[in-house]
N, C-alpha and C. Protein backbone atom coordinates (compact mmCIF):
# COMPACT_ATOMS: atom_id res chain seq x y z
N UNK A 1 18.17 92.36 99.52
CA UNK A 1 19.31 91.64 99.15
C UNK A 1 18.93 90.36 98.47
N UNK A 2 19.56 90.14 97.31
CA UNK A 2 19.25 88.98 96.48
C UNK A 2 20.05 87.74 96.98
N UNK A 3 19.74 86.61 96.52
CA UNK A 3 20.43 85.37 96.91
C UNK A 3 21.89 85.57 96.43
N UNK A 4 22.21 86.08 95.24
CA UNK A 4 23.56 86.25 94.79
C UNK A 4 24.31 87.13 95.71
N UNK A 5 23.69 88.16 96.29
CA UNK A 5 24.37 89.06 97.16
C UNK A 5 24.67 88.31 98.48
N UNK A 6 23.85 87.49 98.98
CA UNK A 6 24.07 86.63 100.19
C UNK A 6 25.19 85.77 100.04
N UNK A 7 25.27 85.03 98.89
CA UNK A 7 26.34 84.11 98.64
C UNK A 7 27.74 84.86 98.56
N UNK A 8 27.68 85.99 98.00
CA UNK A 8 28.93 86.86 97.90
C UNK A 8 29.47 87.22 99.22
N UNK A 9 28.55 87.46 100.23
CA UNK A 9 28.93 87.93 101.55
C UNK A 9 29.51 86.86 102.38
N UNK A 10 29.36 85.60 101.98
CA UNK A 10 29.82 84.46 102.77
C UNK A 10 31.38 84.44 102.70
N UNK A 11 32.01 85.08 101.76
CA UNK A 11 33.44 85.18 101.71
C UNK A 11 33.91 86.42 102.61
N UNK A 12 33.09 87.17 103.03
CA UNK A 12 33.39 88.37 103.92
C UNK A 12 33.64 87.82 105.41
N UNK A 13 34.85 88.02 105.91
CA UNK A 13 35.23 87.65 107.27
C UNK A 13 34.29 88.29 108.31
N UNK A 14 33.77 89.38 107.95
CA UNK A 14 32.90 90.20 109.04
C UNK A 14 31.51 89.90 108.97
N UNK A 15 31.05 89.14 108.01
CA UNK A 15 29.58 88.81 107.81
C UNK A 15 29.15 87.88 108.86
N UNK A 16 28.20 88.18 109.59
CA UNK A 16 27.65 87.42 110.71
C UNK A 16 26.83 86.20 110.26
N UNK A 17 27.51 85.14 109.79
CA UNK A 17 26.81 84.03 109.16
C UNK A 17 26.51 82.91 110.13
N UNK A 18 26.98 82.90 111.36
CA UNK A 18 26.87 81.70 112.22
C UNK A 18 26.05 82.00 113.44
N UNK A 19 25.12 81.10 113.72
CA UNK A 19 24.30 81.21 114.93
C UNK A 19 25.21 80.89 116.16
N UNK A 20 24.62 81.15 117.35
CA UNK A 20 25.45 80.87 118.56
C UNK A 20 25.60 79.33 118.64
N UNK A 21 24.62 78.56 118.35
CA UNK A 21 24.70 77.13 118.47
C UNK A 21 25.81 76.57 117.51
N UNK A 22 25.72 77.05 116.23
CA UNK A 22 26.72 76.65 115.20
C UNK A 22 28.08 77.05 115.54
N UNK A 23 28.22 78.24 116.07
CA UNK A 23 29.58 78.77 116.48
C UNK A 23 30.15 77.98 117.62
N UNK A 24 29.32 77.62 118.59
CA UNK A 24 29.85 76.83 119.72
C UNK A 24 30.21 75.48 119.29
N UNK A 25 29.40 74.90 118.30
CA UNK A 25 29.77 73.53 117.86
C UNK A 25 30.98 73.61 117.08
N UNK A 26 31.28 74.62 116.21
CA UNK A 26 32.48 74.76 115.42
C UNK A 26 33.74 74.90 116.31
N UNK A 27 33.55 75.62 117.42
CA UNK A 27 34.66 75.87 118.39
C UNK A 27 34.88 74.72 119.37
N UNK A 28 33.87 73.84 119.43
CA UNK A 28 34.00 72.75 120.42
C UNK A 28 33.86 73.27 121.83
N UNK A 29 32.97 74.24 121.97
CA UNK A 29 32.73 74.82 123.33
C UNK A 29 31.24 74.98 123.61
N UNK A 30 30.92 75.67 124.60
CA UNK A 30 29.50 75.80 125.02
C UNK A 30 29.04 77.18 124.58
N UNK A 31 27.73 77.34 124.58
CA UNK A 31 27.19 78.68 124.25
C UNK A 31 27.51 79.65 125.43
N UNK A 32 27.58 79.11 126.66
CA UNK A 32 27.98 79.83 127.78
C UNK A 32 29.33 80.49 127.66
N UNK A 33 30.29 79.80 127.03
CA UNK A 33 31.58 80.37 126.77
C UNK A 33 31.53 81.52 125.87
N UNK A 34 30.71 81.44 124.82
CA UNK A 34 30.50 82.55 123.92
C UNK A 34 29.86 83.73 124.62
N UNK A 35 28.93 83.41 125.55
CA UNK A 35 28.32 84.55 126.24
C UNK A 35 29.36 85.21 127.19
N UNK A 36 30.20 84.32 127.82
CA UNK A 36 31.20 84.93 128.69
C UNK A 36 32.24 85.80 128.04
N UNK A 37 32.69 85.39 126.83
CA UNK A 37 33.65 86.24 126.12
C UNK A 37 32.93 87.57 125.55
N UNK A 38 31.70 87.41 125.37
CA UNK A 38 30.84 88.62 124.98
C UNK A 38 30.71 89.58 126.23
N UNK A 39 30.49 89.05 127.41
CA UNK A 39 30.43 89.84 128.59
C UNK A 39 31.82 90.47 128.94
N UNK A 40 32.90 89.72 128.56
CA UNK A 40 34.28 90.22 128.79
C UNK A 40 34.62 91.23 127.71
N UNK A 41 33.73 91.47 126.73
CA UNK A 41 33.98 92.46 125.70
C UNK A 41 35.04 92.07 124.67
N UNK A 42 35.27 90.78 124.57
CA UNK A 42 36.23 90.25 123.53
C UNK A 42 35.59 90.40 122.23
N UNK A 43 34.33 89.93 122.08
CA UNK A 43 33.64 90.03 120.78
C UNK A 43 32.19 90.48 121.12
N UNK A 44 31.63 91.21 120.18
CA UNK A 44 30.30 91.62 120.34
C UNK A 44 29.55 91.08 119.05
N UNK A 45 28.74 90.03 119.31
CA UNK A 45 28.07 89.45 118.10
C UNK A 45 26.96 90.38 117.71
N UNK A 46 26.74 90.34 116.40
CA UNK A 46 25.52 91.10 115.84
C UNK A 46 24.28 90.36 116.24
N UNK A 47 23.17 90.99 116.10
CA UNK A 47 21.90 90.34 116.46
C UNK A 47 21.01 90.24 115.19
N UNK A 48 20.36 89.11 115.03
CA UNK A 48 19.42 88.92 113.92
C UNK A 48 18.15 89.84 114.23
N UNK A 49 17.28 89.88 113.32
CA UNK A 49 16.08 90.64 113.55
C UNK A 49 15.23 90.02 114.71
N UNK A 50 15.42 88.72 114.97
CA UNK A 50 14.73 88.18 116.07
C UNK A 50 15.51 88.24 117.41
N UNK A 51 16.66 88.96 117.38
CA UNK A 51 17.45 89.18 118.57
C UNK A 51 18.47 88.07 118.85
N UNK A 52 18.68 87.06 117.94
CA UNK A 52 19.61 86.02 118.15
C UNK A 52 20.97 86.48 117.89
N UNK A 53 21.96 85.99 118.60
CA UNK A 53 23.36 86.35 118.30
C UNK A 53 23.88 85.67 117.05
N UNK A 54 24.66 86.43 116.32
CA UNK A 54 25.22 85.99 115.05
C UNK A 54 26.68 86.27 114.98
N UNK A 55 27.58 85.35 114.68
CA UNK A 55 29.01 85.49 114.67
C UNK A 55 29.65 85.39 113.31
N UNK A 56 30.71 86.15 113.13
CA UNK A 56 31.41 86.20 111.84
C UNK A 56 32.61 85.20 112.00
N UNK A 57 33.27 84.93 110.80
CA UNK A 57 34.46 84.07 110.86
C UNK A 57 35.53 84.76 111.69
N UNK A 58 35.67 86.06 111.55
CA UNK A 58 36.76 86.78 112.31
C UNK A 58 36.47 86.56 113.84
N UNK A 59 35.22 86.75 114.26
CA UNK A 59 34.89 86.57 115.64
C UNK A 59 35.16 85.06 116.13
N UNK A 60 34.93 84.19 115.31
CA UNK A 60 35.20 82.81 115.62
C UNK A 60 36.65 82.60 115.77
N UNK A 61 37.53 83.23 114.95
CA UNK A 61 39.02 83.00 115.15
C UNK A 61 39.39 83.67 116.47
N UNK A 62 38.85 84.80 116.76
CA UNK A 62 39.21 85.50 118.06
C UNK A 62 38.77 84.51 119.23
N UNK A 63 37.57 84.05 119.12
CA UNK A 63 37.10 83.12 120.19
C UNK A 63 37.87 81.89 120.36
N UNK A 64 38.27 81.34 119.16
CA UNK A 64 39.08 80.15 119.23
C UNK A 64 40.45 80.37 119.98
N UNK A 65 41.06 81.54 119.71
CA UNK A 65 42.28 81.86 120.42
C UNK A 65 42.06 81.99 121.95
N UNK A 66 40.90 82.58 122.32
CA UNK A 66 40.57 82.72 123.71
C UNK A 66 40.35 81.35 124.35
N UNK A 67 39.73 80.47 123.58
CA UNK A 67 39.48 79.12 124.08
C UNK A 67 40.82 78.32 124.28
N UNK A 68 41.74 78.58 123.39
CA UNK A 68 43.07 77.88 123.61
C UNK A 68 43.70 78.32 124.91
N UNK A 69 43.68 79.66 125.20
CA UNK A 69 44.23 80.08 126.44
C UNK A 69 43.41 79.61 127.65
N UNK A 70 42.16 79.59 127.61
CA UNK A 70 41.35 79.03 128.71
C UNK A 70 41.63 77.53 128.90
N UNK A 71 41.84 76.77 127.85
CA UNK A 71 42.07 75.41 127.94
C UNK A 71 43.43 75.17 128.55
N UNK A 72 44.30 76.12 128.49
CA UNK A 72 45.68 76.00 129.09
C UNK A 72 45.61 76.38 130.52
N UNK A 73 44.45 76.78 131.02
CA UNK A 73 44.20 77.09 132.55
C UNK A 73 44.21 78.57 132.82
N UNK A 74 44.14 79.41 131.86
CA UNK A 74 44.14 80.84 132.04
C UNK A 74 42.61 81.31 132.42
N UNK A 75 42.38 82.15 133.38
CA UNK A 75 41.07 82.70 133.71
C UNK A 75 40.55 83.40 132.36
N UNK A 76 39.25 83.26 132.23
CA UNK A 76 38.65 83.81 130.97
C UNK A 76 38.94 85.34 130.77
N UNK A 77 38.92 86.15 131.83
CA UNK A 77 39.14 87.55 131.72
C UNK A 77 40.55 87.79 131.17
N UNK A 78 41.53 87.09 131.79
CA UNK A 78 42.98 87.20 131.36
C UNK A 78 43.07 86.81 129.94
N UNK A 79 42.49 85.72 129.59
CA UNK A 79 42.55 85.19 128.20
C UNK A 79 42.01 86.23 127.20
N UNK A 80 40.92 86.86 127.60
CA UNK A 80 40.30 87.85 126.69
C UNK A 80 41.18 89.06 126.53
N UNK A 81 41.82 89.47 127.66
CA UNK A 81 42.71 90.60 127.60
C UNK A 81 43.90 90.32 126.75
N UNK A 82 44.48 89.16 126.82
CA UNK A 82 45.61 88.84 125.95
C UNK A 82 45.23 88.81 124.51
N UNK A 83 44.11 88.20 124.22
CA UNK A 83 43.66 88.19 122.81
C UNK A 83 43.47 89.59 122.27
N UNK A 84 42.90 90.50 123.10
CA UNK A 84 42.76 91.89 122.67
C UNK A 84 44.09 92.56 122.44
N UNK A 85 44.97 92.37 123.28
CA UNK A 85 46.34 92.89 123.08
C UNK A 85 47.10 92.33 121.85
N UNK A 86 46.95 90.99 121.64
CA UNK A 86 47.55 90.45 120.42
C UNK A 86 46.90 91.05 119.15
N UNK A 87 45.65 91.17 119.13
CA UNK A 87 44.90 91.79 118.02
C UNK A 87 45.40 93.23 117.77
N UNK A 88 45.52 93.99 118.85
CA UNK A 88 46.01 95.39 118.71
C UNK A 88 47.42 95.46 118.18
N UNK A 89 48.32 94.53 118.65
CA UNK A 89 49.65 94.45 118.19
C UNK A 89 49.67 94.14 116.63
N UNK A 90 48.87 93.12 116.27
CA UNK A 90 48.85 92.80 114.82
C UNK A 90 48.48 94.01 113.98
N UNK A 91 47.44 94.69 114.48
CA UNK A 91 46.94 95.94 113.71
C UNK A 91 48.12 96.97 113.67
N UNK A 92 48.76 97.18 114.74
CA UNK A 92 49.85 98.15 114.74
C UNK A 92 50.96 97.85 113.82
N UNK A 93 51.27 96.57 113.78
CA UNK A 93 52.33 96.02 112.93
C UNK A 93 51.89 96.25 111.40
N UNK A 94 50.64 95.98 111.14
CA UNK A 94 50.14 96.20 109.84
C UNK A 94 50.22 97.65 109.35
N UNK A 95 49.84 98.52 110.26
CA UNK A 95 49.93 99.99 109.98
C UNK A 95 51.41 100.45 109.75
N UNK A 96 52.27 99.97 110.63
CA UNK A 96 53.67 100.32 110.47
C UNK A 96 54.27 99.80 109.14
N UNK A 97 53.87 98.59 108.72
CA UNK A 97 54.29 98.13 107.42
C UNK A 97 53.85 98.97 106.32
N UNK A 98 52.56 99.49 106.34
CA UNK A 98 52.01 100.35 105.39
C UNK A 98 52.76 101.72 105.40
N UNK A 99 53.12 102.20 106.52
CA UNK A 99 53.92 103.44 106.59
C UNK A 99 55.30 103.23 106.00
N UNK A 100 56.00 102.14 106.27
CA UNK A 100 57.21 101.87 105.64
C UNK A 100 57.17 101.70 104.20
N UNK A 101 56.16 101.08 103.65
CA UNK A 101 55.94 100.99 102.22
C UNK A 101 55.72 102.32 101.58
N UNK A 102 54.93 103.17 102.26
CA UNK A 102 54.62 104.57 101.69
C UNK A 102 55.96 105.39 101.75
N UNK A 103 56.71 105.23 102.82
CA UNK A 103 57.97 106.07 102.88
C UNK A 103 58.93 105.56 101.80
N UNK A 104 58.93 104.23 101.58
CA UNK A 104 59.85 103.74 100.55
C UNK A 104 59.39 104.16 99.15
N UNK A 105 58.13 104.21 98.87
CA UNK A 105 57.60 104.72 97.64
C UNK A 105 57.87 106.24 97.42
N UNK A 106 57.82 107.00 98.49
CA UNK A 106 58.10 108.38 98.42
C UNK A 106 59.57 108.64 98.15
N UNK A 107 60.41 107.82 98.79
CA UNK A 107 61.87 108.01 98.61
C UNK A 107 62.29 107.60 97.23
N UNK A 108 61.60 106.60 96.62
CA UNK A 108 61.89 106.18 95.26
C UNK A 108 61.51 107.24 94.13
N UNK A 109 60.50 108.04 94.58
CA UNK A 109 59.95 108.99 93.52
C UNK A 109 60.81 110.16 93.35
């Protein structure tokens, strides 16, 4: 991979660009929190060649939402479950919108 390829990937929401320390700093939380939401299977960070956890921007957004819920007093397991359900609902709504568009295009043809 060239330097140009690496810079292009920084725009990719799924590119694991952030170390655990940087991710925790950006979220204003601890590395232990990131480990806990990993254990709760909310996010699964990729691993560097040295075995260090690496997080994407998408994963950081998910972690930030979980942190909001935990900060409101929700147990971490419940917060993770809610975030998973919210993410699934958003995906289902996106798929439904695609189907409605496709049905509208077929009816117009």
